[in-house]
């Protein structure tokens, strides 16, 4: 499987969007010549039947889903060994969600 999140240009012949819909990409498409644009994938038509066929793209900013898990105070086991690691295991458990640098200002 190709890793498209490498910042390099990738030729495209149509098909299903190759990255997450919230990924920011730079695209090159053919419309009476070569045209260049930057957009979220969800607004681009990567299909081979597109009105403006994409001929190349590169990832500008990869979309990453934050990780979430539960911490149980007083437990000494590694989190991955606790039953219910990704679901609430018991009363008193604390839900932890990863925060990315660009999200910190949004929550204030």
Protein backbone atom coordinates (compact mmCIF):
# COMPACT_ATOMS: atom_id res chain seq x y z
CA UNK A 1 0.00 0.00 0.00
CA UNK A 2 1.35 3.42 -0.97
CA UNK A 3 2.00 6.02 1.74
CA UNK A 4 0.71 9.25 0.21
CA UNK A 5 1.59 11.29 3.32
CA UNK A 6 5.21 11.74 2.24
CA UNK A 7 4.92 15.30 0.84
CA UNK A 8 5.82 14.15 -2.67
CA UNK A 9 3.77 14.54 -5.84
CA UNK A 10 1.79 11.47 -6.90
CA UNK A 11 0.33 10.98 -10.37
CA UNK A 12 -3.38 10.16 -10.41
CA UNK A 13 -5.52 8.31 -12.96
CA UNK A 14 -8.81 8.43 -11.06
CA UNK A 15 -10.40 6.27 -8.42
CA UNK A 16 -11.42 6.48 -4.78
CA UNK A 17 -9.87 9.27 -2.69
CA UNK A 18 -6.54 7.81 -1.47
CA UNK A 19 -6.34 9.65 1.88
CA UNK A 20 -8.65 10.75 4.72
CA UNK A 21 -11.34 13.27 3.60
CA UNK A 22 -10.07 15.86 6.13
CA UNK A 23 -6.52 15.75 4.71
CA UNK A 24 -5.31 18.99 3.10
CA UNK A 25 -3.94 18.33 -0.39
CA UNK A 26 -2.46 20.29 -3.24
CA UNK A 27 -3.95 19.13 -6.54
CA UNK A 28 -3.16 19.58 -10.20
CA UNK A 29 -6.03 19.07 -12.61
CA UNK A 30 -6.59 19.53 -16.30
CA UNK A 31 -8.92 22.33 -17.43
CA UNK A 32 -7.87 23.82 -20.76
CA UNK A 33 -4.34 23.52 -19.45
CA UNK A 34 -2.80 22.66 -16.10
CA UNK A 35 -4.48 24.25 -13.05
CA UNK A 36 -3.23 24.16 -9.46
CA UNK A 37 -5.30 24.30 -6.25
CA UNK A 38 -5.18 23.48 -2.51
CA UNK A 39 -8.21 21.98 -0.72
CA UNK A 40 -9.46 19.37 1.75
CA UNK A 41 -9.90 15.99 0.05
CA UNK A 42 -13.61 15.93 0.84
CA UNK A 43 -14.07 18.82 -1.63
CA UNK A 44 -12.09 17.13 -4.43
CA UNK A 45 -13.38 14.61 -6.95
CA UNK A 46 -10.67 11.97 -7.33
CA UNK A 47 -12.86 9.72 -9.52
CA UNK A 48 -12.01 8.91 -13.13
CA UNK A 49 -15.35 10.48 -14.17
CA UNK A 50 -14.65 13.92 -12.66
CA UNK A 51 -15.50 17.06 -14.63
CA UNK A 52 -12.06 18.39 -13.71
CA UNK A 53 -9.85 15.29 -13.64
CA UNK A 54 -7.08 15.36 -11.06
CA UNK A 55 -3.78 14.37 -12.66
CA UNK A 56 -1.49 14.74 -9.61
CA UNK A 57 -1.67 15.55 -5.90
CA UNK A 58 0.44 15.79 -2.78
CA UNK A 59 -0.47 15.88 0.90
CA UNK A 60 0.09 19.29 2.51
CA UNK A 61 -1.20 18.38 5.98
CA UNK A 62 -2.13 14.84 6.97
CA UNK A 63 -5.31 14.40 9.01
CA UNK A 64 -4.78 12.39 12.18
CA UNK A 65 -7.49 11.15 14.50
CA UNK A 66 -6.63 11.74 18.18
CA UNK A 67 -6.10 8.64 20.30
CA UNK A 68 -8.39 8.05 23.29
CA UNK A 69 -8.04 5.70 26.26
CA UNK A 70 -9.01 5.28 29.92
CA UNK A 71 -6.80 5.54 33.02
CA UNK A 72 -7.85 3.82 36.22
CA UNK A 73 -6.32 5.57 39.28
CA UNK A 74 -4.45 3.17 41.55
CA UNK A 75 -3.87 0.53 38.86
CA UNK A 76 -0.24 -0.27 38.12
CA UNK A 77 -0.71 -2.38 34.99
CA UNK A 78 0.22 -1.02 31.61
CA UNK A 79 -2.93 0.50 30.07
CA UNK A 80 -2.95 -1.96 27.16
CA UNK A 81 -3.15 -4.90 29.61
CA UNK A 82 -6.24 -3.54 31.40
CA UNK A 83 -9.52 -5.10 30.27
CA UNK A 84 -11.67 -2.40 28.68
CA UNK A 85 -8.67 -0.32 27.60
CA UNK A 86 -10.73 1.48 24.93
CA UNK A 87 -14.10 1.29 26.72
CA UNK A 88 -14.89 2.66 30.17
CA UNK A 89 -13.71 -0.09 32.54
CA UNK A 90 -15.16 1.04 35.90
CA UNK A 91 -16.37 3.91 38.09
CA UNK A 92 -13.61 6.44 38.73
CA UNK A 93 -11.83 5.86 35.44
CA UNK A 94 -10.52 8.96 33.65
CA UNK A 95 -10.94 9.34 29.90
CA UNK A 96 -7.84 10.73 28.15
CA UNK A 97 -7.85 12.23 24.65
CA UNK A 98 -4.73 13.20 22.73
CA UNK A 99 -4.59 16.90 21.80
CA UNK A 100 -2.58 18.15 18.83
CA UNK A 101 -0.83 21.56 18.85
CA UNK A 102 -3.28 23.07 16.34
CA UNK A 103 -6.26 22.03 18.55
CA UNK A 104 -5.00 23.63 21.78
CA UNK A 105 -6.17 27.16 20.91
CA UNK A 106 -9.61 25.91 19.77
CA UNK A 107 -10.45 24.50 23.20
CA UNK A 108 -9.73 27.73 25.11
